[in-house]
Protein backbone atom coordinates (compact mmCIF):
# COMPACT_ATOMS: atom_id res chain seq x y z
CA MET A 1 91.25 98.65 101.38
CA ILE A 2 94.86 100.09 101.60
CA VAL A 3 96.76 99.86 104.83
CA LEU A 4 99.68 102.30 105.12
CA THR A 5 102.19 101.89 107.94
CA ASP A 6 105.68 103.05 109.07
CA GLY A 7 106.08 100.97 112.03
CA LEU A 8 104.94 97.90 114.23
CA GLU A 9 101.60 97.72 115.65
CA ASN A 10 101.47 98.80 119.24
CA THR A 11 97.89 100.26 119.59
CA PRO A 12 94.58 98.48 119.55
CA PRO A 13 92.65 97.46 117.50
CA MET A 14 95.50 94.77 116.52
CA ILE A 15 95.72 93.39 112.96
CA LYS A 16 94.65 89.81 114.12
CA ASP A 17 91.40 91.21 115.79
CA ALA A 18 90.50 93.41 112.60
CA ALA A 19 91.26 90.79 110.03
CA ALA A 20 87.91 88.84 110.62
CA SER A 21 85.92 92.01 109.63
CA LEU A 22 87.76 92.43 106.09
CA ASN A 23 85.66 91.44 103.25
CA ASN A 24 87.31 93.52 100.45
CA ARG A 25 90.56 93.29 98.60
CA THR A 26 93.39 94.39 100.81
CA PHE A 27 96.69 95.96 100.03
CA ALA A 28 99.37 97.26 102.36
CA ILE A 29 102.38 99.55 102.08
CA GLY A 30 105.22 99.38 104.63
CA PHE A 31 107.71 102.25 104.62
CA GLY A 32 111.10 101.57 105.91
CA GLN A 33 113.20 98.45 106.65
CA ALA A 34 111.06 95.04 106.95
CA ALA A 35 112.28 94.62 110.54
CA ALA A 36 110.52 97.83 111.51
CA ILE A 37 107.19 96.76 110.11
CA SER A 38 104.55 94.16 111.12
CA THR A 39 105.50 92.06 108.12
CA ALA A 40 103.99 88.81 108.90
CA ALA A 41 100.81 89.95 110.20
CA LEU A 42 100.20 92.44 107.18
CA ASN A 43 101.12 89.65 104.74
CA GLN A 44 98.70 87.40 106.22
CA ILE A 45 95.71 89.84 105.75
CA THR A 46 96.72 90.99 102.41
CA GLN A 47 97.30 87.47 100.77
CA ASN A 48 94.11 86.15 102.41
CA GLN A 49 92.15 89.11 100.82
CA GLY A 50 93.45 88.84 97.35
CA GLY A 51 96.06 91.68 97.76
CA TYR A 52 99.82 91.97 98.54
CA LEU A 53 102.19 93.88 100.83
CA VAL A 54 104.86 96.14 99.66
CA VAL A 55 107.86 96.96 101.66
CA THR A 56 109.64 99.95 100.44
CA GLY A 57 112.94 99.68 102.20
CA PRO A 58 114.71 102.86 102.68
CA ILE A 59 113.35 105.70 100.56
CA THR A 60 116.27 108.27 99.42
CA PRO A 61 115.34 111.92 98.97
CA GLU A 62 115.30 111.72 95.38
CA GLU A 63 112.52 108.93 95.53
CA ASN A 64 110.11 111.03 97.51
CA PHE A 65 107.60 110.38 94.82
CA ALA A 66 107.62 106.64 95.63
CA LEU A 67 104.35 106.74 97.74
CA THR A 68 102.39 107.94 94.61
CA GLU A 69 104.09 105.18 92.71
CA TYR A 70 102.94 102.54 95.13
CA PHE A 71 99.34 103.79 95.15
CA LEU A 72 99.07 103.85 91.52
CA LYS A 73 100.31 100.20 91.16
CA ILE A 74 97.83 99.19 93.69
CA GLN A 75 94.96 101.19 91.89
CA ALA A 76 95.88 99.28 88.72
CA GLY A 77 95.49 96.13 90.69
CA VAL A 78 91.99 97.29 92.11
CA SER A 79 90.85 98.28 88.58
CA ASN A 80 91.81 94.98 87.00
CA SER A 81 94.28 96.74 84.57
CA SER A 82 97.46 94.83 83.58
CA ALA A 83 100.99 96.56 84.02
CA VAL A 84 102.83 96.53 80.69
CA LEU A 85 105.86 98.62 81.68
CA ASP A 86 107.39 99.68 85.06
CA PRO A 87 111.07 101.07 84.57
CA ARG A 88 112.96 103.67 86.42
CA GLY A 89 115.74 106.00 85.21
CA GLU A 90 117.51 109.35 85.39
CA LEU A 91 117.48 112.30 82.81
CA ILE A 92 120.24 114.50 82.17
CA PHE A 93 120.72 117.37 79.73
CA GLY A 94 121.20 116.38 76.12
CA THR A 95 119.68 112.89 76.12
CA THR A 96 116.31 111.44 75.30
CA HIS A 97 115.04 108.12 76.60
CA ARG A 98 113.16 106.15 74.07
CA ILE A 99 111.29 103.64 76.00
CA PRO A 100 109.27 100.71 74.02
CA PHE A 101 106.07 98.87 75.00
CA GLN A 102 103.78 96.84 73.14
CA LEU A 103 99.94 96.94 72.69
CA THR A 104 97.56 94.39 71.04
CA THR A 105 94.12 94.48 69.51
CA ALA A 106 92.96 93.05 72.71
CA ASP A 107 93.92 96.33 74.62
CA HIS A 108 91.14 98.79 74.52
CA GLY A 109 92.47 101.52 76.79
CA VAL A 110 95.91 102.57 78.20
CA ASP A 111 97.52 104.84 80.91
CA VAL A 112 101.01 106.10 80.50
CA VAL A 113 102.03 107.62 83.78
CA LEU A 114 105.25 109.56 84.62
CA LEU A 115 106.26 110.09 88.17
CA SER A 116 109.10 112.40 89.17
CA PRO A 117 110.04 115.20 91.74
CA ALA A 118 109.66 117.69 88.63
CA PRO A 119 107.80 116.33 85.94
CA TYR A 120 107.25 120.02 84.59
CA TYR A 121 110.86 119.90 83.59
CA ILE A 122 110.52 116.72 81.35
CA ASN A 123 109.51 116.76 77.74
CA PHE A 124 106.90 113.78 77.86
CA ARG A 125 105.71 112.67 74.56
CA LEU A 126 104.20 109.31 73.04
CA GLU A 127 105.27 107.70 69.50
CA THR A 128 102.89 105.59 67.78
CA PRO A 129 103.74 102.50 66.04
CA ASP A 130 103.77 104.01 62.63
CA GLY A 131 105.94 106.93 64.04
CA LYS A 132 103.62 109.86 64.78
CA ILE A 133 104.47 111.92 67.76
CA ILE A 134 101.78 112.65 70.42
CA ASN A 135 102.35 115.54 72.78
CA PRO A 136 100.06 117.43 75.34
CA ALA A 137 99.04 119.79 72.51
CA ILE A 138 97.97 117.00 70.17
CA ALA A 139 96.21 115.21 73.10
CA ALA A 140 94.09 118.19 73.61
CA ALA A 141 92.98 118.17 70.06
CA GLU A 142 92.26 114.39 69.98
CA PRO A 143 88.85 113.23 71.56
CA ALA A 144 90.22 109.75 72.67
CA ILE A 145 93.24 111.22 74.49
CA GLN A 146 93.54 113.12 77.87
CA PHE A 147 96.68 114.58 79.24
CA PHE A 148 96.92 115.55 83.04
CA THR A 149 99.89 117.20 84.94
CA THR A 150 100.39 117.67 88.61
CA PRO A 151 103.51 118.89 90.60
CA ARG A 152 104.47 114.99 91.04
CA VAL A 153 102.71 113.25 88.17
CA SER A 154 101.94 113.74 84.49
CA TYR A 155 100.15 111.07 82.39
CA TYR A 156 98.22 110.33 79.21
CA ARG A 157 94.99 108.34 79.41
CA ALA A 158 93.56 107.17 76.23
CA SER A 159 91.15 104.74 74.63
CA LEU A 160 92.55 102.61 71.59
CA PRO A 161 92.92 103.44 68.85
CA MET A 162 94.30 106.86 69.93
CA LEU A 163 94.16 109.03 66.66
CA ALA A 164 91.08 109.54 65.00
CA GLY A 165 93.07 110.13 61.59
CA ASP A 166 95.04 107.05 62.06
CA ARG A 167 93.34 104.34 63.78
CA GLN A 168 95.33 101.67 62.00
CA GLY A 169 98.66 103.09 63.21
CA SER A 170 97.67 104.00 66.61
CA HIS A 171 96.63 100.73 68.08
CA ARG A 172 98.46 97.74 67.82
CA GLY A 173 102.19 97.26 67.77
CA VAL A 174 105.34 98.70 69.32
CA TRP A 175 104.90 102.03 70.98
CA HIS A 176 107.58 104.31 72.74
CA VAL A 177 107.72 106.76 75.55
CA LEU A 178 110.06 109.67 74.68
CA LEU A 179 111.42 111.48 77.75
CA GLY A 180 114.04 114.26 77.76
CA LEU A 181 114.69 117.39 79.85
CA SER A 182 113.08 120.49 78.57
CA ASP A 183 114.88 123.92 78.10
CA ARG A 184 113.15 125.45 80.95
CA ALA A 185 115.08 122.65 83.18
CA LYS A 186 118.32 124.61 82.39
CA ASP A 187 117.09 127.48 84.60
CA GLY A 188 115.61 125.07 87.27
CA ASP A 189 115.61 125.91 90.84
CA ARG A 190 118.80 125.29 92.61
CA GLN A 191 116.98 123.98 95.66
CA LEU A 192 115.67 120.98 93.68
CA ILE A 193 119.12 120.19 92.35
CA ALA A 194 120.85 120.24 95.87
CA SER A 195 118.06 118.17 97.26
CA LEU A 196 118.84 115.67 94.55
CA GLY A 197 122.52 115.61 95.14
CA ARG A 198 123.38 115.37 91.37
CA PRO A 199 122.50 117.13 88.16
CA ALA A 200 119.98 114.54 87.15
CA ILE A 201 116.21 114.14 87.54
CA PRO A 202 114.91 110.58 88.52
CA TYR A 203 111.66 109.15 86.98
CA SER A 204 109.50 106.09 87.26
CA LEU A 205 107.34 105.19 84.27
CA LEU A 206 104.19 103.03 84.47
CA VAL A 207 102.03 101.90 81.55
CA HIS A 208 98.87 100.17 82.31
CA THR A 209 96.44 98.72 79.82
CA TYR A 210 92.71 97.88 80.16
CA SER A 211 92.67 94.66 78.15
CA ASP A 212 90.92 91.36 77.51
CA LEU A 213 94.38 89.80 77.78
CA THR A 214 95.11 89.63 81.69
CA PHE A 215 98.29 89.39 83.55
CA ARG A 216 97.76 88.19 87.07
CA PRO A 217 101.20 87.88 88.94
CA ALA A 218 101.51 86.86 92.67
CA LEU A 219 104.35 86.59 95.22
CA LEU A 220 103.35 84.24 98.10
CA GLN A 221 105.38 84.11 101.28
CA THR A 222 104.30 82.45 104.54
CA ASP A 223 107.90 82.18 106.21
CA PHE A 224 109.94 85.31 107.18
CA ASP A 225 113.02 83.90 108.78
CA PRO A 226 116.33 83.84 106.68
CA GLY A 227 116.17 80.79 104.33
CA ALA A 228 112.46 81.23 103.57
CA ALA A 229 110.91 80.10 100.49
CA VAL A 230 109.17 82.77 98.27
CA GLN A 231 106.68 81.49 95.57
CA LEU A 232 106.16 83.17 92.38
CA ARG A 233 103.11 82.62 90.18
CA VAL A 234 101.71 84.18 87.00
CA ALA A 235 98.28 83.54 85.29
CA LEU A 236 97.82 84.62 81.62
CA ASP A 237 94.04 84.76 80.50
CA GLN A 238 92.37 86.12 77.28
CA TYR A 239 88.69 86.40 77.11
CA THR A 240 88.60 84.80 80.63
CA ALA A 241 90.16 81.57 79.50
CA PRO A 242 93.80 80.40 80.11
CA LEU A 243 96.06 81.59 77.23
CA ASP A 244 97.44 78.54 75.78
CA THR A 245 100.02 79.99 73.46
CA PRO A 246 103.87 80.29 73.40
CA SER A 247 104.83 82.48 76.40
CA THR A 248 107.91 83.28 78.17
CA VAL A 249 107.84 84.16 81.89
CA TRP A 250 110.65 85.09 84.31
CA ALA A 251 111.45 87.21 87.29
CA GLU A 252 114.37 89.57 87.71
CA ILE A 253 115.21 89.49 91.38
CA ALA A 254 117.26 92.27 93.28
CA ARG A 255 118.56 91.05 96.61
CA PRO A 256 119.43 92.92 99.70
CA ASP A 257 123.30 92.67 99.07
CA GLY A 258 122.81 94.41 95.64
CA SER A 259 123.21 91.42 93.41
CA ASN A 260 120.70 90.43 90.88
CA GLN A 261 119.27 87.02 89.90
CA THR A 262 116.97 85.93 86.90
CA LEU A 263 114.66 83.14 87.52
CA MET A 264 112.49 81.49 84.87
CA LEU A 265 109.13 80.40 85.70
CA ALA A 266 107.94 76.92 84.78
CA ARG A 267 104.74 76.37 82.78
CA THR A 268 102.56 74.14 85.15
CA SER A 269 99.33 74.23 82.93
CA PRO A 270 97.93 76.26 80.24
CA GLY A 271 98.35 79.96 81.01
CA ARG A 272 99.94 79.37 84.45
CA TYR A 273 103.56 79.64 85.57
CA SER A 274 105.33 78.99 88.66
CA ALA A 275 108.75 79.04 90.37
CA SER A 276 110.29 79.65 93.91
CA PHE A 277 113.59 81.27 95.41
CA THR A 278 115.26 81.07 98.67
CA ALA A 279 115.52 84.34 100.63
CA ASP A 280 118.53 83.39 102.59
CA GLU A 281 119.54 87.04 103.33
CA ILE A 282 118.17 89.58 105.86
CA GLY A 283 116.36 92.47 104.19
CA VAL A 284 113.98 93.36 101.28
CA TYR A 285 113.94 91.55 98.05
CA SER A 286 112.39 93.17 94.78
CA ALA A 287 110.96 90.82 92.30
CA LEU A 288 110.02 92.16 88.77
CA LEU A 289 107.72 89.37 87.06
CA ARG A 290 107.75 89.71 83.38
CA ALA A 291 105.86 87.98 80.63
CA ARG A 292 106.45 87.98 76.88
CA GLY A 293 104.49 86.06 74.19
CA VAL A 294 101.71 85.99 71.56
CA ASN A 295 98.00 86.33 72.19
CA LEU A 296 95.12 84.26 70.41
CA GLU A 297 95.48 86.69 67.21
CA GLY A 298 99.09 85.95 66.91
CA GLN A 299 100.20 89.53 68.07
CA SER A 300 103.24 90.01 70.41
CA PHE A 301 102.52 91.31 73.91
CA ALA A 302 104.35 92.27 77.05
CA ARG A 303 103.57 92.56 80.66
CA GLU A 304 105.58 93.06 84.07
CA GLN A 305 104.95 94.20 87.64
CA ARG A 306 107.14 94.33 90.67
CA PHE A 307 106.74 92.87 94.07
CA THR A 308 108.64 92.71 97.41
CA ALA A 309 109.64 90.00 99.75
CA ALA A 310 111.43 90.24 103.16
CA THR A 311 113.06 88.33 105.87
CA MET A 312 114.25 89.10 109.32
CA ILE A 313 115.54 87.42 112.46
CA GLY A 314 112.44 86.23 114.39
CA GLY A 315 110.21 87.03 111.44
CA ASN A 316 107.94 84.18 112.14
CA GLN A 317 106.91 85.06 115.73
CA GLY A 318 103.60 86.50 116.26
CA SER A 319 102.35 89.84 117.59
CA GLN A 320 102.83 90.23 121.17
CA PRO A 321 101.41 93.42 122.28
CA GLY A 322 102.90 93.30 125.89
CA GLY A 323 100.69 90.83 127.76
CA ASP A 324 97.18 89.39 127.86
CA ASP A 325 94.75 91.94 126.73
CA ARG A 326 91.89 90.89 129.30
CA LEU A 327 94.63 91.02 132.19
CA CYS A 328 95.59 94.51 131.15
CA GLN A 329 91.95 95.52 131.04
CA LEU A 330 91.45 94.22 134.65
CA ILE A 331 94.51 96.00 135.85
CA HIS A 332 93.29 99.36 134.11
CA CYS A 333 89.91 98.97 135.92
CA LEU A 334 91.46 98.16 139.40
CA THR A 335 93.72 100.93 139.09
CA SER A 336 91.21 103.47 137.95
CA ARG A 337 89.58 106.17 140.04
CA LYS A 338 86.53 104.07 140.15
CA VAL A 339 88.46 101.70 142.57
CA ILE A 340 91.24 103.66 143.99
CA THR A 341 89.76 106.73 145.87
CA PRO A 342 91.73 109.68 147.02
CA GLU A 343 91.66 108.36 150.63
CA LEU A 344 93.04 105.12 149.74
CA GLU A 345 95.87 106.76 147.86
CA ARG A 346 96.65 108.94 150.87
CA ALA A 347 96.60 105.79 153.15
CA LEU A 348 99.00 103.98 150.94
CA VAL A 349 101.40 106.81 151.02
CA ALA A 350 101.21 106.95 154.76
CA HIS A 351 102.22 103.32 154.79
CA GLY A 352 105.21 103.97 152.50
CA PHE A 353 103.54 102.42 149.41
CA ASP A 354 104.20 104.56 146.14
CA LEU A 355 100.94 103.89 144.28
CA ARG A 356 102.01 106.18 141.47
CA ALA A 357 105.20 104.34 140.80
CA LEU A 358 103.11 101.04 140.65
CA LEU A 359 100.49 102.55 138.10
CA ALA A 360 103.33 103.84 135.98
CA CYS A 361 105.02 100.33 135.88
CA LEU A 362 101.70 98.62 135.19
CA GLU A 363 101.01 101.19 132.44
CA GLU A 364 104.21 100.50 130.86
CA GLN A 365 103.86 96.67 130.73
CA CYS A 366 100.33 96.96 129.30
CA ARG A 367 100.99 99.29 126.50
CA ARG A 368 104.72 98.29 125.22
CA THR A 369 105.35 95.99 122.36
CA ASP A 370 108.03 93.39 122.26
CA GLY A 371 108.47 93.92 118.35
CA SER A 372 108.45 90.17 117.81
CA LEU A 373 106.85 90.41 114.54
CA GLY A 374 110.13 91.26 112.84
CA GLY A 375 112.70 90.46 115.66
CA GLU A 376 113.18 94.04 116.67
CA ALA A 377 114.29 95.02 120.18
CA PRO A 378 111.51 97.04 121.89
CA TYR A 379 111.97 100.65 122.25
CA MET A 380 113.25 101.47 126.13
CA PRO A 381 114.04 105.19 126.58
CA GLY A 382 117.05 105.63 128.96
CA ASP A 383 118.52 103.09 131.17
CA VAL A 384 116.28 100.17 132.45
CA SER A 385 116.63 98.68 135.94
CA VAL A 386 115.27 95.57 136.80
CA THR A 387 113.74 95.00 140.32
CA PRO A 388 112.18 91.97 141.85
CA ARG A 389 108.60 91.86 141.55
CA LEU A 390 106.11 90.44 144.22
CA THR A 391 103.33 87.91 143.00
CA PHE A 392 99.84 88.33 144.38
CA THR A 393 96.69 86.23 143.63
CA ALA A 394 93.52 87.98 142.72
CA SER A 395 91.97 87.22 145.99
CA GLU A 396 95.15 88.47 147.96
CA LEU A 397 95.20 91.70 146.02
CA ARG A 398 91.50 92.23 146.65
CA SER A 399 91.93 91.66 150.35
CA VAL A 400 94.92 94.05 150.56
CA LEU A 401 92.88 96.97 148.87
CA VAL A 402 89.79 96.26 150.83
CA GLU A 403 92.07 96.57 154.19
CA LEU A 404 93.75 99.59 152.94
CA GLN A 405 90.40 101.27 152.18
CA GLN A 406 89.15 100.50 155.65
CA GLN A 407 92.18 101.98 157.30
CA ALA A 408 92.06 105.01 155.03
CA VAL A 409 88.66 106.16 156.70
CA GLY A 410 89.48 109.36 158.66
CA ALA A 411 93.24 109.34 157.89
CA PRO A 412 94.59 112.90 157.71
CA ALA A 413 95.46 114.33 154.56
CA HIS A 414 99.35 114.53 153.72
CA PHE A 415 99.32 115.80 150.06
CA ALA A 416 98.75 119.62 150.15
CA GLU A 417 97.95 122.52 152.46
CA VAL A 418 94.87 124.22 151.23
CA VAL A 419 95.38 128.08 151.19
CA LYS A 420 92.49 130.32 152.17
CA ALA A 421 91.31 132.28 149.17
CA GLU A 422 91.81 135.99 149.29
CA PRO A 423 89.65 138.47 147.04
CA VAL A 424 91.53 139.93 144.20
CA PRO A 425 91.57 143.69 144.32
CA ARG A 426 90.12 145.51 141.35
CA PRO A 427 92.48 147.54 139.22
CA GLU A 428 92.58 151.34 139.56
CA PRO A 429 90.71 153.06 136.88
CA PRO A 430 92.83 155.03 134.51
CA PRO A 431 93.23 158.95 135.02
CA PRO A 432 91.16 161.26 132.88
CA GLY A 433 92.72 161.65 129.55
CA LYS A 434 94.87 158.61 129.63
CA ALA A 435 93.89 155.66 127.01
CA PRO A 436 92.95 152.55 128.88
CA GLU A 437 95.26 149.59 128.44
CA ARG A 438 94.47 147.04 125.69
CA PRO A 439 92.65 144.08 126.88
CA VAL A 440 94.27 140.59 127.22
CA PRO A 441 93.88 138.61 123.90
CA PHE A 442 92.44 135.60 125.64
CA PRO A 443 90.97 136.82 128.91
CA LYS A 444 90.00 134.39 131.71
CA PRO A 445 86.42 133.53 131.92
CA PRO A 446 84.37 135.56 134.60
CA GLN A 447 84.31 134.05 138.14
CA ASP A 448 80.92 132.97 139.40
CA LYS A 449 79.48 135.46 141.84
CA PRO A 450 79.20 134.02 145.46
CA LYS A 451 75.78 133.00 146.49
CA PRO A 452 74.17 135.10 149.33
CA LYS A 453 74.23 133.37 152.57
CA MET A 454 70.70 132.17 153.61
């Protein structure tokens, strides 16, 4: 299951109530700043269900393909494929980006995915370990390769080896992705260039492999106040057993202030690596977990995957959606038309009691959220004035309601004066020779005929 949110929880069912019913892997994507998202609650349900939370931080207009990227990364985790490569870049005219990635004989399939606001302007090719070029035309002729393109995504999906006529040279080894702007981009639409703000097209590249060599990274966070400890873990397996071969595992951490940190993960047992860092600043941290090593056949491999962590003031406070749910349900019942009749409402007004103001106050208190998940201030439109409140017990409130209802019997109405209905005259028929007026597009329904008096 994937949870997509752009704000704090403020409408039932709440996350804590729905968590018990989750029985599948759960992932979450939070758009925006961590302080504006129910970070702690989402982290709890995702980490307990074998998934993870991604906090995007601010998304600039040129990164409007980011949602697709996050969904594809989650899909890779669901399908148990391993991320080989996850770089980002920008393309300008006259340059070609040649991006390497490694595959081994333990890999039996691969997806090479290009995300961009305009992938149709990008010349997207693959280069095999022995130097052969694969483009969309060649992919159409090879039974092992498929090429797909959409307005936001282009990708190759292939089984290995890729080329029927060169099986040895199109499987294990160092591959390259070749990216460059095509000639048609020279006449690209000006609206796109203006929206990007510069003469360059951004992209994100994802390489996922289906393999017997698995890379299972994880980021664990249970504290969300500044100074929180964030744990990083990586598991490397081949043929379902821990990979006990020389490997190097590290994390490249981008901090909220724009600085970068490289952190080596220590080997704790065969195929298992761990480290931690302190998130002492407020904001979103990006952690790219990477691994390099050799598999059981002595072939080099590389894997990487990106995660996020977040801290905020008051991040450890739980969700408090504005009072006890049962009390709010009782108040809603007591203030409904089942309890407060029109006669009682008129009687209250006659005694100087503004019932509608009371109902509005109760509704506000039972629906608002104080935003304590991320330490945010609640949204309060306009100026807020605080007035003293009276406190009643349940029995006193019941007695007051009963007394007022008894007083309302026979009370005169003070709300509106009922005007006696008058018949509506029928329109005069048009004179002979004149076209009738066009009917109203949405005429009112016909009125019921009055019943004859008995």
